[in-house]
């Protein structure tokens, strides 16, 4: 094991320390993935395949909202989706089970992954900064889980509803491969989870001086364009879905500006104290 005192650690010591953190991260993901694999039938029934059923909560809410504004002819109120999921390769279902368990293991182990990441960088921080480690782990994990839930309950159903009902000809029958279906859920959920980490990223970028609140305000219009492009990438190409996804991202951007202000203000106070 490497030394924890950063003043005594050489470059090789840092590499050794990093190696042990990566080993712990890998083991934690594998352990959680093993548990997920044991309960994989439950995960596939109640998590993976739930968004393809019309009794999924999101479809109920959107159906009620559509009827409330007088739109009765909507795909959100259908009885079932016009597609089937199929397996075209001998190992497709086994591979889907393994990779789903691994990604589920990563999501479950995410707080511990962040803890190991923080444990690696925290020795290089001031003692006043290290005392916020518990709050950092909790907030980072909370934002990630909120993002994953947003991706699963908002982005995924909107994407499935749009793509399942999109057709260039009635002669074509939609039969999606299981790998394609799972990839949509995985990318929507994980992408949203990482997007929700924007305030944490801005916090660190502000700490090292790459970002300032004035800079974020100055380029707010450009950020709006980037957010809309990002929303178009992770959602189906209809305006309503893009707006639904863009709203929380814009809120996160505004929160990030406030966080950047707080960081700059605290750094200014520290500089004034050191000069006194």
C-alpha atoms as a PDB file:
ATOM      1  CA  UNK A   1       0.000   0.000   0.000  1.00  0.00           C
ATOM      2  CA  UNK A   2       1.184   3.520  -0.794  1.00  0.00           C
ATOM      3  CA  UNK A   3       1.831   6.204   1.763  1.00  0.00           C
ATOM      4  CA  UNK A   4      -0.928   8.658   2.469  1.00  0.00           C
ATOM      5  CA  UNK A   5       1.311  11.648   3.128  1.00  0.00           C
ATOM      6  CA  UNK A   6       1.529  13.438  -0.214  1.00  0.00           C
ATOM      7  CA  UNK A   7       4.779  15.211   0.785  1.00  0.00           C
ATOM      8  CA  UNK A   8       6.567  11.849   1.100  1.00  0.00           C
ATOM      9  CA  UNK A   9       5.018  10.153  -1.912  1.00  0.00           C
ATOM     10  CA  UNK A  10       7.004   9.794  -5.125  1.00  0.00           C
ATOM     11  CA  UNK A  11       5.517   9.486  -8.594  1.00  0.00           C
ATOM     12  CA  UNK A  12       5.667   5.694  -8.345  1.00  0.00           C
ATOM     13  CA  UNK A  13       3.955   5.864  -4.948  1.00  0.00           C
ATOM     14  CA  UNK A  14       1.119   7.820  -6.543  1.00  0.00           C
ATOM     15  CA  UNK A  15       0.815   5.213  -9.279  1.00  0.00           C
ATOM     16  CA  UNK A  16       0.754   2.443  -6.687  1.00  0.00           C
ATOM     17  CA  UNK A  17      -1.907   4.319  -4.719  1.00  0.00           C
ATOM     18  CA  UNK A  18      -3.961   4.827  -7.888  1.00  0.00           C
ATOM     19  CA  UNK A  19      -3.634   1.134  -8.723  1.00  0.00           C
ATOM     20  CA  UNK A  20      -5.117   0.117  -5.378  1.00  0.00           C
ATOM     21  CA  UNK A  21      -7.989   2.566  -5.764  1.00  0.00           C
ATOM     22  CA  UNK A  22      -8.740   1.177  -9.234  1.00  0.00           C
ATOM     23  CA  UNK A  23      -8.608  -2.372  -7.858  1.00  0.00           C
ATOM     24  CA  UNK A  24     -11.104  -1.479  -5.125  1.00  0.00           C
ATOM     25  CA  UNK A  25     -13.369   0.229  -7.677  1.00  0.00           C
ATOM     26  CA  UNK A  26     -13.242  -2.800  -9.976  1.00  0.00           C
ATOM     27  CA  UNK A  27     -13.964  -5.217  -7.129  1.00  0.00           C
ATOM     28  CA  UNK A  28     -16.900  -3.142  -5.887  1.00  0.00           C
ATOM     29  CA  UNK A  29     -18.436  -3.056  -9.375  1.00  0.00           C
ATOM     30  CA  UNK A  30     -17.896  -6.806  -9.824  1.00  0.00           C
ATOM     31  CA  UNK A  31     -19.480  -7.581  -6.446  1.00  0.00           C
ATOM     32  CA  UNK A  32     -22.512  -5.409  -7.208  1.00  0.00           C
ATOM     33  CA  UNK A  33     -22.669  -6.868 -10.726  1.00  0.00           C
ATOM     34  CA  UNK A  34     -22.707 -10.389  -9.264  1.00  0.00           C
ATOM     35  CA  UNK A  35     -25.624  -9.463  -7.020  1.00  0.00           C
ATOM     36  CA  UNK A  36     -27.398  -7.898 -10.006  1.00  0.00           C
ATOM     37  CA  UNK A  37     -26.761 -11.060 -12.054  1.00  0.00           C
ATOM     38  CA  UNK A  38     -28.356 -13.181  -9.324  1.00  0.00           C
ATOM     39  CA  UNK A  39     -31.465 -10.995  -9.467  1.00  0.00           C
ATOM     40  CA  UNK A  40     -31.279 -10.477 -13.244  1.00  0.00           C
ATOM     41  CA  UNK A  41     -34.712 -11.980 -13.956  1.00  0.00           C
ATOM     42  CA  UNK A  42     -36.287  -9.442 -11.592  1.00  0.00           C
ATOM     43  CA  UNK A  43     -34.243  -6.623 -13.147  1.00  0.00           C
ATOM     44  CA  UNK A  44     -35.278  -7.550 -16.687  1.00  0.00           C
ATOM     45  CA  UNK A  45     -38.951  -7.936 -15.762  1.00  0.00           C
ATOM     46  CA  UNK A  46     -39.427  -4.867 -13.582  1.00  0.00           C
ATOM     47  CA  UNK A  47     -36.690  -2.508 -14.845  1.00  0.00           C
ATOM     48  CA  UNK A  48     -35.502  -3.299 -18.377  1.00  0.00           C
ATOM     49  CA  UNK A  49     -38.816  -4.364 -19.923  1.00  0.00           C
ATOM     50  CA  UNK A  50     -41.041  -2.075 -17.841  1.00  0.00           C
ATOM     51  CA  UNK A  51     -40.767   0.928 -20.246  1.00  0.00           C
ATOM     52  CA  UNK A  52     -42.135  -1.207 -23.116  1.00  0.00           C
ATOM     53  CA  UNK A  53     -45.402  -1.730 -21.234  1.00  0.00           C
ATOM     54  CA  UNK A  54     -48.150   0.888 -21.567  1.00  0.00           C
ATOM     55  CA  UNK A  55     -48.875   0.752 -17.820  1.00  0.00           C
ATOM     56  CA  UNK A  56     -45.466   2.362 -17.186  1.00  0.00           C
ATOM     57  CA  UNK A  57     -46.025   5.436 -14.938  1.00  0.00           C
ATOM     58  CA  UNK A  58     -44.645   7.930 -17.492  1.00  0.00           C
ATOM     59  CA  UNK A  59     -47.106   6.858 -20.172  1.00  0.00           C
ATOM     60  CA  UNK A  60     -49.988   7.153 -17.719  1.00  0.00           C
ATOM     61  CA  UNK A  61     -48.948  10.691 -16.758  1.00  0.00           C
ATOM     62  CA  UNK A  62     -48.480  11.757 -20.377  1.00  0.00           C
ATOM     63  CA  UNK A  63     -51.777  10.181 -21.394  1.00  0.00           C
ATOM     64  CA  UNK A  64     -53.605  12.044 -18.621  1.00  0.00           C
ATOM     65  CA  UNK A  65     -51.815  15.287 -19.538  1.00  0.00           C
ATOM     66  CA  UNK A  66     -52.755  14.857 -23.218  1.00  0.00           C
ATOM     67  CA  UNK A  67     -56.401  14.232 -22.349  1.00  0.00           C
ATOM     68  CA  UNK A  68     -56.390  17.212 -19.994  1.00  0.00           C
ATOM     69  CA  UNK A  69     -55.430  19.559 -22.830  1.00  0.00           C
ATOM     70  CA  UNK A  70     -57.925  17.925 -25.188  1.00  0.00           C
ATOM     71  CA  UNK A  71     -55.652  15.577 -27.153  1.00  0.00           C
ATOM     72  CA  UNK A  72     -57.251  12.134 -27.149  1.00  0.00           C
ATOM     73  CA  UNK A  73     -55.580  10.603 -30.197  1.00  0.00           C
ATOM     74  CA  UNK A  74     -52.109  10.057 -28.771  1.00  0.00           C
ATOM     75  CA  UNK A  75     -49.730   7.103 -28.710  1.00  0.00           C
ATOM     76  CA  UNK A  76     -49.309   7.558 -24.949  1.00  0.00           C
ATOM     77  CA  UNK A  77     -52.847   6.208 -24.462  1.00  0.00           C
ATOM     78  CA  UNK A  78     -52.409   3.075 -26.607  1.00  0.00           C
ATOM     79  CA  UNK A  79     -52.870  -0.420 -25.217  1.00  0.00           C
ATOM     80  CA  UNK A  80     -49.506  -1.777 -26.395  1.00  0.00           C
ATOM     81  CA  UNK A  81     -46.455  -0.875 -28.462  1.00  0.00           C
ATOM     82  CA  UNK A  82     -46.267  -2.092 -32.078  1.00  0.00           C
ATOM     83  CA  UNK A  83     -42.965  -3.924 -31.716  1.00  0.00           C
ATOM     84  CA  UNK A  84     -41.407  -7.101 -30.380  1.00  0.00           C
ATOM     85  CA  UNK A  85     -37.971  -7.713 -28.910  1.00  0.00           C
ATOM     86  CA  UNK A  86     -36.040 -10.564 -30.437  1.00  0.00           C
ATOM     87  CA  UNK A  87     -32.710 -12.354 -30.109  1.00  0.00           C
ATOM     88  CA  UNK A  88     -30.932 -13.168 -33.381  1.00  0.00           C
ATOM     89  CA  UNK A  89     -27.679 -14.605 -32.006  1.00  0.00           C
ATOM     90  CA  UNK A  90     -26.998 -17.677 -29.894  1.00  0.00           C
ATOM     91  CA  UNK A  91     -25.230 -15.700 -27.178  1.00  0.00           C
ATOM     92  CA  UNK A  92     -27.347 -12.527 -27.400  1.00  0.00           C
ATOM     93  CA  UNK A  93     -29.438 -13.145 -24.275  1.00  0.00           C
ATOM     94  CA  UNK A  94     -26.446 -14.292 -22.228  1.00  0.00           C
ATOM     95  CA  UNK A  95     -24.421 -11.243 -23.311  1.00  0.00           C
ATOM     96  CA  UNK A  96     -27.354  -8.962 -22.533  1.00  0.00           C
ATOM     97  CA  UNK A  97     -27.608 -10.510 -19.066  1.00  0.00           C
ATOM     98  CA  UNK A  98     -23.886 -10.116 -18.349  1.00  0.00           C
ATOM     99  CA  UNK A  99     -23.565  -6.526 -19.601  1.00  0.00           C
ATOM    100  CA  UNK A 100     -26.800  -5.424 -17.937  1.00  0.00           C
ATOM    101  CA  UNK A 101     -25.471  -6.804 -14.646  1.00  0.00           C
ATOM    102  CA  UNK A 102     -22.168  -4.955 -15.100  1.00  0.00           C
ATOM    103  CA  UNK A 103     -23.840  -1.618 -15.813  1.00  0.00           C
ATOM    104  CA  UNK A 104     -26.254  -2.179 -12.935  1.00  0.00           C
ATOM    105  CA  UNK A 105     -23.240  -2.965 -10.750  1.00  0.00           C
ATOM    106  CA  UNK A 106     -21.609   0.327 -11.746  1.00  0.00           C
ATOM    107  CA  UNK A 107     -24.772   2.306 -10.918  1.00  0.00           C
ATOM    108  CA  UNK A 108     -25.179   0.567  -7.549  1.00  0.00           C
ATOM    109  CA  UNK A 109     -21.496   0.959  -6.668  1.00  0.00           C
ATOM    110  CA  UNK A 110     -21.294   4.585  -7.845  1.00  0.00           C
ATOM    111  CA  UNK A 111     -21.112   6.130  -4.315  1.00  0.00           C
ATOM    112  CA  UNK A 112     -18.190   3.841  -3.470  1.00  0.00           C
ATOM    113  CA  UNK A 113     -16.531   4.648  -6.817  1.00  0.00           C
ATOM    114  CA  UNK A 114     -16.789   8.358  -5.999  1.00  0.00           C
ATOM    115  CA  UNK A 115     -15.478   7.667  -2.487  1.00  0.00           C
ATOM    116  CA  UNK A 116     -12.377   5.977  -3.937  1.00  0.00           C
ATOM    117  CA  UNK A 117     -11.904   8.825  -6.400  1.00  0.00           C
ATOM    118  CA  UNK A 118     -12.122  11.360  -3.584  1.00  0.00           C
ATOM    119  CA  UNK A 119      -9.764   9.302  -1.399  1.00  0.00           C
ATOM    120  CA  UNK A 120      -7.151   9.493  -4.149  1.00  0.00           C
ATOM    121  CA  UNK A 121      -7.305  13.271  -4.690  1.00  0.00           C
ATOM    122  CA  UNK A 122      -8.113  14.401  -1.125  1.00  0.00           C
ATOM    123  CA  UNK A 123      -4.529  14.070   0.259  1.00  0.00           C
ATOM    124  CA  UNK A 124      -3.547  16.867  -2.123  1.00  0.00           C
ATOM    125  CA  UNK A 125      -6.231  19.207  -0.764  1.00  0.00           C
ATOM    126  CA  UNK A 126      -6.169  21.511   2.236  1.00  0.00           C
ATOM    127  CA  UNK A 127      -7.588  20.213   5.506  1.00  0.00           C
ATOM    128  CA  UNK A 128     -10.429  22.757   5.239  1.00  0.00           C
ATOM    129  CA  UNK A 129     -11.363  21.250   1.862  1.00  0.00           C
ATOM    130  CA  UNK A 130     -11.066  17.633   2.985  1.00  0.00           C
ATOM    131  CA  UNK A 131     -13.676  18.124   5.705  1.00  0.00           C
ATOM    132  CA  UNK A 132     -16.319  18.483   2.998  1.00  0.00           C
ATOM    133  CA  UNK A 133     -15.578  15.008   1.611  1.00  0.00           C
ATOM    134  CA  UNK A 134     -18.728  13.445   3.032  1.00  0.00           C
ATOM    135  CA  UNK A 135     -20.902  16.163   1.538  1.00  0.00           C
ATOM    136  CA  UNK A 136     -19.121  15.824  -1.806  1.00  0.00           C
ATOM    137  CA  UNK A 137     -19.778  12.073  -1.981  1.00  0.00           C
ATOM    138  CA  UNK A 138     -23.431  12.457  -0.984  1.00  0.00           C
ATOM    139  CA  UNK A 139     -24.163  15.324  -3.393  1.00  0.00           C
ATOM    140  CA  UNK A 140     -22.303  13.716  -6.308  1.00  0.00           C
ATOM    141  CA  UNK A 141     -24.098  10.403  -5.780  1.00  0.00           C
ATOM    142  CA  UNK A 142     -27.464  12.109  -5.358  1.00  0.00           C
ATOM    143  CA  UNK A 143     -27.051  14.083  -8.600  1.00  0.00           C
ATOM    144  CA  UNK A 144     -26.010  10.937 -10.463  1.00  0.00           C
ATOM    145  CA  UNK A 145     -28.975   8.912  -9.193  1.00  0.00           C
ATOM    146  CA  UNK A 146     -31.368  11.775  -9.987  1.00  0.00           C
ATOM    147  CA  UNK A 147     -29.945  11.888 -13.494  1.00  0.00           C
ATOM    148  CA  UNK A 148     -30.301   8.133 -13.944  1.00  0.00           C
ATOM    149  CA  UNK A 149     -33.927   8.286 -12.755  1.00  0.00           C
ATOM    150  CA  UNK A 150     -34.594  11.215 -15.083  1.00  0.00           C
ATOM    151  CA  UNK A 151     -33.103   9.293 -17.987  1.00  0.00           C
ATOM    152  CA  UNK A 152     -35.062   6.159 -17.119  1.00  0.00           C
ATOM    153  CA  UNK A 153     -38.454   7.733 -16.418  1.00  0.00           C
ATOM    154  CA  UNK A 154     -38.362  10.624 -18.910  1.00  0.00           C
ATOM    155  CA  UNK A 155     -35.818  10.210 -21.708  1.00  0.00           C
ATOM    156  CA  UNK A 156     -36.233   6.435 -22.136  1.00  0.00           C
ATOM    157  CA  UNK A 157     -40.070   6.372 -22.390  1.00  0.00           C
ATOM    158  CA  UNK A 158     -40.098   9.341 -24.782  1.00  0.00           C
ATOM    159  CA  UNK A 159     -37.496   7.642 -26.981  1.00  0.00           C
ATOM    160  CA  UNK A 160     -39.234   4.262 -26.954  1.00  0.00           C
ATOM    161  CA  UNK A 161     -42.625   5.816 -27.690  1.00  0.00           C
ATOM    162  CA  UNK A 162     -41.282   7.842 -30.606  1.00  0.00           C
ATOM    163  CA  UNK A 163     -39.102   5.152 -32.191  1.00  0.00           C
ATOM    164  CA  UNK A 164     -41.609   2.333 -31.683  1.00  0.00           C
ATOM    165  CA  UNK A 165     -44.389   4.291 -33.399  1.00  0.00           C
ATOM    166  CA  UNK A 166     -42.240   5.808 -36.145  1.00  0.00           C
ATOM    167  CA  UNK A 167     -42.780   4.102 -39.497  1.00  0.00           C
ATOM    168  CA  UNK A 168     -41.835   4.841 -43.083  1.00  0.00           C
ATOM    169  CA  UNK A 169     -44.199   2.171 -44.390  1.00  0.00           C
ATOM    170  CA  UNK A 170     -46.956  -0.079 -42.971  1.00  0.00           C
ATOM    171  CA  UNK A 171     -45.233  -3.000 -44.707  1.00  0.00           C
ATOM    172  CA  UNK A 172     -42.359  -2.853 -42.211  1.00  0.00           C
ATOM    173  CA  UNK A 173     -42.737  -4.685 -38.903  1.00  0.00           C
ATOM    174  CA  UNK A 174     -40.708  -3.440 -35.955  1.00  0.00           C
ATOM    175  CA  UNK A 175     -38.754  -6.248 -34.340  1.00  0.00           C
ATOM    176  CA  UNK A 176     -35.894  -4.787 -32.327  1.00  0.00           C
ATOM    177  CA  UNK A 177     -32.860  -6.748 -31.225  1.00  0.00           C
ATOM    178  CA  UNK A 178     -32.483  -7.066 -27.479  1.00  0.00           C
ATOM    179  CA  UNK A 179     -29.034  -5.439 -27.622  1.00  0.00           C
ATOM    180  CA  UNK A 180     -30.478  -2.377 -29.401  1.00  0.00           C
ATOM    181  CA  UNK A 181     -33.323  -2.049 -26.917  1.00  0.00           C
ATOM    182  CA  UNK A 182     -31.064  -2.333 -23.866  1.00  0.00           C
ATOM    183  CA  UNK A 183     -28.538   0.075 -25.404  1.00  0.00           C
ATOM    184  CA  UNK A 184     -31.256   2.733 -25.656  1.00  0.00           C
ATOM    185  CA  UNK A 185     -32.139   2.368 -21.966  1.00  0.00           C
ATOM    186  CA  UNK A 186     -28.488   2.247 -20.929  1.00  0.00           C
ATOM    187  CA  UNK A 187     -27.382   5.276 -22.943  1.00  0.00           C
ATOM    188  CA  UNK A 188     -30.399   7.369 -21.907  1.00  0.00           C
ATOM    189  CA  UNK A 189     -29.993   6.608 -18.205  1.00  0.00           C
ATOM    190  CA  UNK A 190     -26.202   6.852 -17.927  1.00  0.00           C
ATOM    191  CA  UNK A 191     -25.948   9.906 -20.193  1.00  0.00           C
ATOM    192  CA  UNK A 192     -28.504  11.721 -18.051  1.00  0.00           C
ATOM    193  CA  UNK A 193     -26.702  10.603 -14.896  1.00  0.00           C
ATOM    194  CA  UNK A 194     -23.421  12.135 -16.074  1.00  0.00           C
ATOM    195  CA  UNK A 195     -25.125  15.294 -17.409  1.00  0.00           C
ATOM    196  CA  UNK A 196     -26.568  15.881 -13.933  1.00  0.00           C
ATOM    197  CA  UNK A 197     -22.986  16.063 -12.615  1.00  0.00           C
ATOM    198  CA  UNK A 198     -22.618  19.467 -14.281  1.00  0.00           C
ATOM    199  CA  UNK A 199     -22.639  21.428 -10.962  1.00  0.00           C
ATOM    200  CA  UNK A 200     -19.829  19.228  -9.600  1.00  0.00           C
ATOM    201  CA  UNK A 201     -17.773  19.697 -12.769  1.00  0.00           C
ATOM    202  CA  UNK A 202     -18.281  23.470 -12.660  1.00  0.00           C
ATOM    203  CA  UNK A 203     -17.253  23.482  -8.984  1.00  0.00           C
ATOM    204  CA  UNK A 204     -13.866  21.917  -9.755  1.00  0.00           C
ATOM    205  CA  UNK A 205     -13.331  23.976 -12.912  1.00  0.00           C
ATOM    206  CA  UNK A 206     -13.975  27.122 -10.861  1.00  0.00           C
ATOM    207  CA  UNK A 207     -11.600  25.930  -8.133  1.00  0.00           C
ATOM    208  CA  UNK A 208      -8.737  25.624 -10.618  1.00  0.00           C
ATOM    209  CA  UNK A 209      -9.618  28.903 -12.318  1.00  0.00           C
ATOM    210  CA  UNK A 210     -10.810  27.640 -15.706  1.00  0.00           C
ATOM    211  CA  UNK A 211     -14.397  28.837 -15.195  1.00  0.00           C
ATOM    212  CA  UNK A 212     -15.861  31.972 -13.611  1.00  0.00           C
ATOM    213  CA  UNK A 213     -19.495  32.993 -13.068  1.00  0.00           C
ATOM    214  CA  UNK A 214     -18.922  35.987 -15.371  1.00  0.00           C
ATOM    215  CA  UNK A 215     -17.717  33.642 -18.115  1.00  0.00           C
ATOM    216  CA  UNK A 216     -20.746  31.380 -17.695  1.00  0.00           C
ATOM    217  CA  UNK A 217     -23.110  34.350 -17.854  1.00  0.00           C
ATOM    218  CA  UNK A 218     -21.335  35.766 -20.896  1.00  0.00           C
ATOM    219  CA  UNK A 219     -21.717  32.530 -22.842  1.00  0.00           C
ATOM    220  CA  UNK A 220     -25.183  31.658 -21.549  1.00  0.00           C
ATOM    221  CA  UNK A 221     -26.660  31.977 -25.069  1.00  0.00           C
ATOM    222  CA  UNK A 222     -24.077  29.597 -26.470  1.00  0.00           C
ATOM    223  CA  UNK A 223     -24.751  27.230 -23.580  1.00  0.00           C
ATOM    224  CA  UNK A 224     -28.437  27.302 -24.476  1.00  0.00           C
ATOM    225  CA  UNK A 225     -27.603  26.197 -28.028  1.00  0.00           C
ATOM    226  CA  UNK A 226     -25.330  23.427 -26.711  1.00  0.00           C
ATOM    227  CA  UNK A 227     -28.061  22.262 -24.312  1.00  0.00           C
ATOM    228  CA  UNK A 228     -30.581  22.087 -27.160  1.00  0.00           C
ATOM    229  CA  UNK A 229     -28.116  20.128 -29.281  1.00  0.00           C
ATOM    230  CA  UNK A 230     -27.425  17.781 -26.359  1.00  0.00           C
ATOM    231  CA  UNK A 231     -31.169  17.333 -25.830  1.00  0.00           C
ATOM    232  CA  UNK A 232     -31.577  16.507 -29.508  1.00  0.00           C
ATOM    233  CA  UNK A 233     -28.821  13.888 -29.262  1.00  0.00           C
ATOM    234  CA  UNK A 234     -30.190  11.989 -26.250  1.00  0.00           C
ATOM    235  CA  UNK A 235     -33.895  12.316 -27.142  1.00  0.00           C
ATOM    236  CA  UNK A 236     -36.060  11.539 -30.173  1.00  0.00           C
ATOM    237  CA  UNK A 237     -36.251  14.368 -32.739  1.00  0.00           C
ATOM    238  CA  UNK A 238     -39.546  15.881 -31.645  1.00  0.00           C
ATOM    239  CA  UNK A 239     -39.756  19.334 -30.082  1.00  0.00           C
ATOM    240  CA  UNK A 240     -41.755  18.352 -26.983  1.00  0.00           C
ATOM    241  CA  UNK A 241     -39.214  15.712 -25.899  1.00  0.00           C
ATOM    242  CA  UNK A 242     -36.284  18.067 -26.442  1.00  0.00           C
ATOM    243  CA  UNK A 243     -37.915  20.809 -24.379  1.00  0.00           C
ATOM    244  CA  UNK A 244     -38.699  18.370 -21.544  1.00  0.00           C
ATOM    245  CA  UNK A 245     -35.059  17.291 -21.413  1.00  0.00           C
ATOM    246  CA  UNK A 246     -33.630  20.780 -21.928  1.00  0.00           C
ATOM    247  CA  UNK A 247     -35.460  22.331 -18.948  1.00  0.00           C
ATOM    248  CA  UNK A 248     -33.631  20.439 -16.138  1.00  0.00           C
ATOM    249  CA  UNK A 249     -30.287  20.896 -17.931  1.00  0.00           C
ATOM    250  CA  UNK A 250     -30.843  24.656 -18.090  1.00  0.00           C
ATOM    251  CA  UNK A 251     -31.764  24.627 -14.396  1.00  0.00           C
ATOM    252  CA  UNK A 252     -28.537  22.742 -13.657  1.00  0.00           C
ATOM    253  CA  UNK A 253     -26.605  25.347 -15.662  1.00  0.00           C
ATOM    254  CA  UNK A 254     -28.133  28.152 -13.606  1.00  0.00           C
ATOM    255  CA  UNK A 255     -27.346  26.276 -10.390  1.00  0.00           C
ATOM    256  CA  UNK A 256     -23.783  25.840 -11.647  1.00  0.00           C
ATOM    257  CA  UNK A 257     -23.473  29.616 -12.068  1.00  0.00           C
ATOM    258  CA  UNK A 258     -24.525  30.081  -8.442  1.00  0.00           C
ATOM    259  CA  UNK A 259     -22.034  27.418  -7.296  1.00  0.00           C
ATOM    260  CA  UNK A 260     -19.288  29.150  -9.264  1.00  0.00           C
ATOM    261  CA  UNK A 261     -20.189  32.442  -7.533  1.00  0.00           C
ATOM    262  CA  UNK A 262     -19.929  30.811  -4.105  1.00  0.00           C
ATOM    263  CA  UNK A 263     -16.544  29.280  -4.913  1.00  0.00           C
ATOM    264  CA  UNK A 264     -15.148  32.595  -6.189  1.00  0.00           C
ATOM    265  CA  UNK A 265     -16.545  34.461  -3.167  1.00  0.00           C
ATOM    266  CA  UNK A 266     -14.967  31.978  -0.737  1.00  0.00           C
ATOM    267  CA  UNK A 267     -11.623  32.161  -2.535  1.00  0.00           C
ATOM    268  CA  UNK A 268     -11.740  35.971  -2.401  1.00  0.00           C
ATOM    269  CA  UNK A 269     -12.398  35.887   1.357  1.00  0.00           C
ATOM    270  CA  UNK A 270      -9.445  33.534   1.895  1.00  0.00           C
ATOM    271  CA  UNK A 271      -7.152  35.800  -0.122  1.00  0.00           C
ATOM    272  CA  UNK A 272      -8.220  38.827   1.922  1.00  0.00           C
ATOM    273  CA  UNK A 273      -7.513  36.978   5.186  1.00  0.00           C
ATOM    274  CA  UNK A 274      -4.049  35.955   4.029  1.00  0.00           C
ATOM    275  CA  UNK A 275      -3.189  39.565   3.112  1.00  0.00           C
ATOM    276  CA  UNK A 276      -4.361  40.942   6.444  1.00  0.00           C
END
